[in-house]
């Protein structure tokens, strides 16, 4: 599971075929549940950037609190869970631009946070679903990152508690980004890809606050 990450700067978003003048990103780059963050949407001819809350708030919700526990969606159950079902059936897929995401690793019984990023330093995109809710007269767009089992993944299985199931985000490679944004939920399983070996993990700077 991923509960916090950092998104690329406006200039670095251009590496993902996003024009940096599309949106003013006057928000914190380190994202936690309920915080606003950029997501990539399908456009008529090119990618479009939008701002959404991290933690999906279902279309029927009347309170923001739902997003505190829906920042990740398991691919095994996403079609059945009430919080995610509407977004899934409507094939409301998005991409989350990421520079680094953080996971805990247990070393000698102690939790230590590690930042996971590409070895070449380039930003990457993560598969997500989004939904729109209307709360107190305002439209709220929000998203959840999709996850797959990683119990046998040579890299991702090292994170989280030793006895917990291991989970991994789904990184959508450049050549498949448009296909993911335009696919149907019946086709989505074709994109549930394991992370490749271009990723590395480094201990998180202890001076950097988790909140």
C-alpha atoms as a PDB file:
ATOM      1  CA  UNK A   1       0.000   0.000   0.000  1.00  0.00           C
ATOM      2  CA  UNK A   2       1.064   3.563  -0.586  1.00  0.00           C
ATOM      3  CA  UNK A   3      -0.064   6.231   1.862  1.00  0.00           C
ATOM      4  CA  UNK A   4       2.287   9.028   0.819  1.00  0.00           C
ATOM      5  CA  UNK A   5       4.323  10.090  -2.181  1.00  0.00           C
ATOM      6  CA  UNK A   6       5.787  13.099  -3.981  1.00  0.00           C
ATOM      7  CA  UNK A   7       4.734  14.329  -7.393  1.00  0.00           C
ATOM      8  CA  UNK A   8       7.069  15.915  -9.992  1.00  0.00           C
ATOM      9  CA  UNK A   9       7.601  19.647 -10.295  1.00  0.00           C
ATOM     10  CA  UNK A  10       5.863  21.542 -13.096  1.00  0.00           C
ATOM     11  CA  UNK A  11       9.002  21.463 -15.209  1.00  0.00           C
ATOM     12  CA  UNK A  12       9.525  17.737 -14.661  1.00  0.00           C
ATOM     13  CA  UNK A  13       5.922  17.020 -15.631  1.00  0.00           C
ATOM     14  CA  UNK A  14       6.985  17.877 -19.168  1.00  0.00           C
ATOM     15  CA  UNK A  15       8.910  14.578 -19.141  1.00  0.00           C
ATOM     16  CA  UNK A  16       5.491  12.888 -18.992  1.00  0.00           C
ATOM     17  CA  UNK A  17       4.151  14.816 -22.010  1.00  0.00           C
ATOM     18  CA  UNK A  18       2.315  17.285 -19.801  1.00  0.00           C
ATOM     19  CA  UNK A  19       2.594  20.943 -20.726  1.00  0.00           C
ATOM     20  CA  UNK A  20       3.673  22.757 -17.588  1.00  0.00           C
ATOM     21  CA  UNK A  21       1.416  25.733 -18.352  1.00  0.00           C
ATOM     22  CA  UNK A  22      -1.717  23.581 -18.077  1.00  0.00           C
ATOM     23  CA  UNK A  23      -2.150  24.092 -14.376  1.00  0.00           C
ATOM     24  CA  UNK A  24      -0.789  26.122 -11.514  1.00  0.00           C
ATOM     25  CA  UNK A  25       0.522  23.654  -8.945  1.00  0.00           C
ATOM     26  CA  UNK A  26       0.436  25.833  -5.841  1.00  0.00           C
ATOM     27  CA  UNK A  27       0.109  22.807  -3.571  1.00  0.00           C
ATOM     28  CA  UNK A  28       2.494  20.754  -1.476  1.00  0.00           C
ATOM     29  CA  UNK A  29       4.392  18.175  -3.526  1.00  0.00           C
ATOM     30  CA  UNK A  30       4.411  15.627  -0.686  1.00  0.00           C
ATOM     31  CA  UNK A  31       0.959  14.055  -0.734  1.00  0.00           C
ATOM     32  CA  UNK A  32      -0.919  12.322   2.095  1.00  0.00           C
ATOM     33  CA  UNK A  33      -4.516  11.033   2.176  1.00  0.00           C
ATOM     34  CA  UNK A  34      -7.110  13.788   1.634  1.00  0.00           C
ATOM     35  CA  UNK A  35      -4.522  16.183   0.176  1.00  0.00           C
ATOM     36  CA  UNK A  36      -4.877  17.647  -3.341  1.00  0.00           C
ATOM     37  CA  UNK A  37      -2.561  16.321  -6.040  1.00  0.00           C
ATOM     38  CA  UNK A  38      -2.286  16.333  -9.837  1.00  0.00           C
ATOM     39  CA  UNK A  39      -3.673  13.463 -11.887  1.00  0.00           C
ATOM     40  CA  UNK A  40      -3.438  12.849 -15.617  1.00  0.00           C
ATOM     41  CA  UNK A  41      -6.735  12.472 -17.466  1.00  0.00           C
ATOM     42  CA  UNK A  42      -7.482  11.461 -21.032  1.00  0.00           C
ATOM     43  CA  UNK A  43      -8.006  14.382 -23.361  1.00  0.00           C
ATOM     44  CA  UNK A  44      -9.249  14.672 -26.931  1.00  0.00           C
ATOM     45  CA  UNK A  45      -5.752  14.817 -28.425  1.00  0.00           C
ATOM     46  CA  UNK A  46      -3.306  14.965 -25.516  1.00  0.00           C
ATOM     47  CA  UNK A  47      -3.033  14.369 -21.792  1.00  0.00           C
ATOM     48  CA  UNK A  48      -4.876  16.740 -19.506  1.00  0.00           C
ATOM     49  CA  UNK A  49      -3.870  17.582 -15.964  1.00  0.00           C
ATOM     50  CA  UNK A  50      -6.354  18.006 -13.150  1.00  0.00           C
ATOM     51  CA  UNK A  51      -6.273  18.336  -9.371  1.00  0.00           C
ATOM     52  CA  UNK A  52      -7.965  15.699  -7.191  1.00  0.00           C
ATOM     53  CA  UNK A  53      -7.883  14.565  -3.583  1.00  0.00           C
ATOM     54  CA  UNK A  54      -5.797  11.528  -2.668  1.00  0.00           C
ATOM     55  CA  UNK A  55      -8.355   9.064  -1.307  1.00  0.00           C
ATOM     56  CA  UNK A  56     -11.396   8.274  -3.425  1.00  0.00           C
ATOM     57  CA  UNK A  57     -14.667   9.793  -2.260  1.00  0.00           C
ATOM     58  CA  UNK A  58     -17.466   7.803  -3.932  1.00  0.00           C
ATOM     59  CA  UNK A  59     -20.112   9.578  -5.991  1.00  0.00           C
ATOM     60  CA  UNK A  60     -22.782   8.875  -3.377  1.00  0.00           C
ATOM     61  CA  UNK A  61     -20.797  10.189  -0.417  1.00  0.00           C
ATOM     62  CA  UNK A  62     -21.954  13.196   1.567  1.00  0.00           C
ATOM     63  CA  UNK A  63     -18.800  13.630   3.665  1.00  0.00           C
ATOM     64  CA  UNK A  64     -15.107  13.960   2.846  1.00  0.00           C
ATOM     65  CA  UNK A  65     -14.096  11.449   5.512  1.00  0.00           C
ATOM     66  CA  UNK A  66     -14.427   8.508   3.109  1.00  0.00           C
ATOM     67  CA  UNK A  67     -11.133   9.519   1.516  1.00  0.00           C
ATOM     68  CA  UNK A  68      -9.135   8.775   4.653  1.00  0.00           C
ATOM     69  CA  UNK A  69      -9.293   5.037   4.011  1.00  0.00           C
ATOM     70  CA  UNK A  70      -9.627   4.751   0.215  1.00  0.00           C
ATOM     71  CA  UNK A  71      -6.281   5.986  -1.066  1.00  0.00           C
ATOM     72  CA  UNK A  72      -5.477   2.462  -2.358  1.00  0.00           C
ATOM     73  CA  UNK A  73      -7.836   0.072  -4.155  1.00  0.00           C
ATOM     74  CA  UNK A  74      -7.108  -3.648  -4.389  1.00  0.00           C
ATOM     75  CA  UNK A  75      -7.509  -4.913  -7.942  1.00  0.00           C
ATOM     76  CA  UNK A  76      -8.944  -8.170  -6.582  1.00  0.00           C
ATOM     77  CA  UNK A  77     -11.935  -6.411  -5.003  1.00  0.00           C
ATOM     78  CA  UNK A  78     -12.203  -3.009  -6.678  1.00  0.00           C
ATOM     79  CA  UNK A  79     -15.209  -4.065  -8.784  1.00  0.00           C
ATOM     80  CA  UNK A  80     -17.174  -5.136  -5.686  1.00  0.00           C
ATOM     81  CA  UNK A  81     -16.377  -2.560  -3.022  1.00  0.00           C
ATOM     82  CA  UNK A  82     -19.145   0.060  -2.685  1.00  0.00           C
ATOM     83  CA  UNK A  83     -16.610   2.886  -2.472  1.00  0.00           C
ATOM     84  CA  UNK A  84     -14.965   1.988  -5.783  1.00  0.00           C
ATOM     85  CA  UNK A  85     -17.690   0.222  -7.776  1.00  0.00           C
ATOM     86  CA  UNK A  86     -19.098   3.294  -9.555  1.00  0.00           C
ATOM     87  CA  UNK A  87     -15.695   4.521 -10.730  1.00  0.00           C
ATOM     88  CA  UNK A  88     -14.759   1.016 -11.848  1.00  0.00           C
ATOM     89  CA  UNK A  89     -17.934   0.292 -13.816  1.00  0.00           C
ATOM     90  CA  UNK A  90     -17.630   3.692 -15.530  1.00  0.00           C
ATOM     91  CA  UNK A  91     -13.965   2.933 -16.410  1.00  0.00           C
ATOM     92  CA  UNK A  92     -12.884   6.215 -14.836  1.00  0.00           C
ATOM     93  CA  UNK A  93      -9.156   5.636 -15.103  1.00  0.00           C
ATOM     94  CA  UNK A  94      -6.386   8.138 -14.477  1.00  0.00           C
ATOM     95  CA  UNK A  95      -2.621   8.273 -14.074  1.00  0.00           C
ATOM     96  CA  UNK A  96      -0.847   9.643 -11.030  1.00  0.00           C
ATOM     97  CA  UNK A  97       2.493  11.346 -11.781  1.00  0.00           C
ATOM     98  CA  UNK A  98       5.041  10.289  -9.156  1.00  0.00           C
ATOM     99  CA  UNK A  99       8.662  11.142  -8.405  1.00  0.00           C
ATOM    100  CA  UNK A 100       9.010   8.922  -5.328  1.00  0.00           C
ATOM    101  CA  UNK A 101       6.656   6.977  -3.077  1.00  0.00           C
ATOM    102  CA  UNK A 102       7.335   5.822   0.462  1.00  0.00           C
ATOM    103  CA  UNK A 103       6.960   2.426   2.093  1.00  0.00           C
ATOM    104  CA  UNK A 104       8.005   1.111   5.532  1.00  0.00           C
ATOM    105  CA  UNK A 105      10.633  -1.601   5.794  1.00  0.00           C
ATOM    106  CA  UNK A 106      11.140  -3.534   9.010  1.00  0.00           C
ATOM    107  CA  UNK A 107      14.780  -3.840  10.040  1.00  0.00           C
ATOM    108  CA  UNK A 108      15.487  -5.662  13.295  1.00  0.00           C
ATOM    109  CA  UNK A 109      11.842  -5.227  14.212  1.00  0.00           C
ATOM    110  CA  UNK A 110      11.825  -1.463  13.686  1.00  0.00           C
ATOM    111  CA  UNK A 111       9.925   0.335  10.949  1.00  0.00           C
ATOM    112  CA  UNK A 112      12.086   2.503   8.685  1.00  0.00           C
ATOM    113  CA  UNK A 113      10.702   4.512   5.784  1.00  0.00           C
ATOM    114  CA  UNK A 114      12.225   4.108   2.330  1.00  0.00           C
ATOM    115  CA  UNK A 115      11.700   6.199  -0.783  1.00  0.00           C
ATOM    116  CA  UNK A 116      11.127   4.200  -3.971  1.00  0.00           C
ATOM    117  CA  UNK A 117      11.988   5.822  -7.275  1.00  0.00           C
ATOM    118  CA  UNK A 118      13.344   5.072 -10.713  1.00  0.00           C
ATOM    119  CA  UNK A 119      17.090   4.496 -10.824  1.00  0.00           C
ATOM    120  CA  UNK A 120      17.422   7.039 -13.655  1.00  0.00           C
ATOM    121  CA  UNK A 121      15.614   9.695 -11.613  1.00  0.00           C
ATOM    122  CA  UNK A 122      12.785  10.148 -14.109  1.00  0.00           C
ATOM    123  CA  UNK A 123       9.177  10.556 -12.949  1.00  0.00           C
ATOM    124  CA  UNK A 124       6.698   7.758 -13.633  1.00  0.00           C
ATOM    125  CA  UNK A 125       2.950   7.175 -13.748  1.00  0.00           C
ATOM    126  CA  UNK A 126       0.771   4.990 -11.509  1.00  0.00           C
ATOM    127  CA  UNK A 127      -2.613   3.464 -12.390  1.00  0.00           C
ATOM    128  CA  UNK A 128      -5.567   5.022 -10.590  1.00  0.00           C
ATOM    129  CA  UNK A 129      -9.337   5.328 -10.609  1.00  0.00           C
ATOM    130  CA  UNK A 130     -11.180   8.568  -9.912  1.00  0.00           C
ATOM    131  CA  UNK A 131     -14.695   9.669  -9.050  1.00  0.00           C
ATOM    132  CA  UNK A 132     -16.678  12.874  -8.573  1.00  0.00           C
ATOM    133  CA  UNK A 133     -18.863  13.584  -5.565  1.00  0.00           C
ATOM    134  CA  UNK A 134     -20.979  16.627  -4.720  1.00  0.00           C
ATOM    135  CA  UNK A 135     -20.568  17.694  -1.118  1.00  0.00           C
ATOM    136  CA  UNK A 136     -21.972  20.929   0.324  1.00  0.00           C
ATOM    137  CA  UNK A 137     -22.753  22.115  -3.191  1.00  0.00           C
ATOM    138  CA  UNK A 138     -19.221  21.616  -4.517  1.00  0.00           C
ATOM    139  CA  UNK A 139     -17.873  19.014  -6.912  1.00  0.00           C
ATOM    140  CA  UNK A 140     -15.056  17.032  -5.324  1.00  0.00           C
ATOM    141  CA  UNK A 141     -12.829  14.962  -7.598  1.00  0.00           C
ATOM    142  CA  UNK A 142     -10.745  12.294  -5.885  1.00  0.00           C
ATOM    143  CA  UNK A 143      -8.679   9.234  -6.738  1.00  0.00           C
ATOM    144  CA  UNK A 144      -7.280   5.963  -5.483  1.00  0.00           C
ATOM    145  CA  UNK A 145      -4.107   4.192  -6.581  1.00  0.00           C
ATOM    146  CA  UNK A 146      -4.666   0.595  -7.689  1.00  0.00           C
ATOM    147  CA  UNK A 147      -2.562  -2.128  -6.060  1.00  0.00           C
ATOM    148  CA  UNK A 148      -1.700  -5.758  -6.786  1.00  0.00           C
ATOM    149  CA  UNK A 149      -0.314  -8.571  -4.656  1.00  0.00           C
ATOM    150  CA  UNK A 150       3.482  -8.520  -4.317  1.00  0.00           C
ATOM    151  CA  UNK A 151       4.164 -11.468  -1.998  1.00  0.00           C
ATOM    152  CA  UNK A 152       6.513 -12.955  -4.586  1.00  0.00           C
ATOM    153  CA  UNK A 153       7.850  -9.766  -6.129  1.00  0.00           C
ATOM    154  CA  UNK A 154      11.659  -9.732  -5.685  1.00  0.00           C
ATOM    155  CA  UNK A 155      11.740  -6.001  -4.866  1.00  0.00           C
ATOM    156  CA  UNK A 156       8.378  -5.009  -3.363  1.00  0.00           C
ATOM    157  CA  UNK A 157       8.083  -7.998  -0.999  1.00  0.00           C
ATOM    158  CA  UNK A 158      10.676  -6.425   1.314  1.00  0.00           C
ATOM    159  CA  UNK A 159       8.299  -3.678   2.509  1.00  0.00           C
ATOM    160  CA  UNK A 160       5.650  -3.571   5.264  1.00  0.00           C
ATOM    161  CA  UNK A 161       5.368  -5.817   8.303  1.00  0.00           C
ATOM    162  CA  UNK A 162       6.883  -9.292   7.898  1.00  0.00           C
ATOM    163  CA  UNK A 163       3.530 -11.044   8.465  1.00  0.00           C
ATOM    164  CA  UNK A 164       1.444  -8.671   6.314  1.00  0.00           C
ATOM    165  CA  UNK A 165       0.451  -9.287   2.727  1.00  0.00           C
ATOM    166  CA  UNK A 166       2.772  -7.404   0.392  1.00  0.00           C
ATOM    167  CA  UNK A 167       1.201  -4.967  -2.069  1.00  0.00           C
ATOM    168  CA  UNK A 168       2.547  -2.954  -4.960  1.00  0.00           C
ATOM    169  CA  UNK A 169       1.428   0.012  -7.015  1.00  0.00           C
ATOM    170  CA  UNK A 170       0.918  -0.518 -10.744  1.00  0.00           C
ATOM    171  CA  UNK A 171       3.372   1.497 -12.822  1.00  0.00           C
ATOM    172  CA  UNK A 172       2.011   2.181 -16.311  1.00  0.00           C
ATOM    173  CA  UNK A 173       4.938   2.480 -18.770  1.00  0.00           C
ATOM    174  CA  UNK A 174       5.090   5.309 -21.290  1.00  0.00           C
ATOM    175  CA  UNK A 175       3.990   3.208 -24.260  1.00  0.00           C
ATOM    176  CA  UNK A 176       0.795   2.117 -22.462  1.00  0.00           C
ATOM    177  CA  UNK A 177      -0.347   5.390 -20.874  1.00  0.00           C
ATOM    178  CA  UNK A 178      -2.865   6.353 -23.528  1.00  0.00           C
ATOM    179  CA  UNK A 179      -4.135   2.778 -23.722  1.00  0.00           C
ATOM    180  CA  UNK A 180      -4.740   2.694 -19.957  1.00  0.00           C
ATOM    181  CA  UNK A 181      -6.635   5.974 -19.973  1.00  0.00           C
ATOM    182  CA  UNK A 182      -8.884   4.787 -22.791  1.00  0.00           C
ATOM    183  CA  UNK A 183      -9.435   1.160 -21.794  1.00  0.00           C
ATOM    184  CA  UNK A 184     -12.625  -0.304 -20.341  1.00  0.00           C
ATOM    185  CA  UNK A 185     -12.846  -2.043 -16.990  1.00  0.00           C
ATOM    186  CA  UNK A 186     -13.170  -5.331 -18.874  1.00  0.00           C
ATOM    187  CA  UNK A 187      -9.726  -4.688 -20.379  1.00  0.00           C
ATOM    188  CA  UNK A 188      -8.074  -3.261 -17.272  1.00  0.00           C
ATOM    189  CA  UNK A 189      -6.611  -6.571 -16.122  1.00  0.00           C
ATOM    190  CA  UNK A 190      -4.188  -6.428 -19.073  1.00  0.00           C
ATOM    191  CA  UNK A 191      -2.508  -3.451 -17.401  1.00  0.00           C
ATOM    192  CA  UNK A 192      -2.007  -4.963 -13.944  1.00  0.00           C
ATOM    193  CA  UNK A 193       1.741  -5.212 -14.466  1.00  0.00           C
ATOM    194  CA  UNK A 194       4.423  -5.917 -11.885  1.00  0.00           C
ATOM    195  CA  UNK A 195       7.036  -3.228 -11.285  1.00  0.00           C
ATOM    196  CA  UNK A 196      10.155  -3.674 -13.392  1.00  0.00           C
ATOM    197  CA  UNK A 197      13.720  -3.716 -12.113  1.00  0.00           C
ATOM    198  CA  UNK A 198      14.435  -0.045 -12.900  1.00  0.00           C
ATOM    199  CA  UNK A 199      13.310   0.931  -9.383  1.00  0.00           C
ATOM    200  CA  UNK A 200      15.498   1.452  -6.339  1.00  0.00           C
ATOM    201  CA  UNK A 201      14.877   2.181  -2.641  1.00  0.00           C
ATOM    202  CA  UNK A 202      16.760   4.581  -0.392  1.00  0.00           C
ATOM    203  CA  UNK A 203      16.264   5.323   3.329  1.00  0.00           C
ATOM    204  CA  UNK A 204      14.155   8.375   3.862  1.00  0.00           C
ATOM    205  CA  UNK A 205      15.809  11.521   5.147  1.00  0.00           C
ATOM    206  CA  UNK A 206      15.148  11.439   8.898  1.00  0.00           C
ATOM    207  CA  UNK A 207      14.901  15.208   8.969  1.00  0.00           C
ATOM    208  CA  UNK A 208      11.943  15.068   6.614  1.00  0.00           C
ATOM    209  CA  UNK A 209       8.730  14.937   8.598  1.00  0.00           C
ATOM    210  CA  UNK A 210       6.183  12.271   7.826  1.00  0.00           C
ATOM    211  CA  UNK A 211       3.347  14.782   8.261  1.00  0.00           C
END
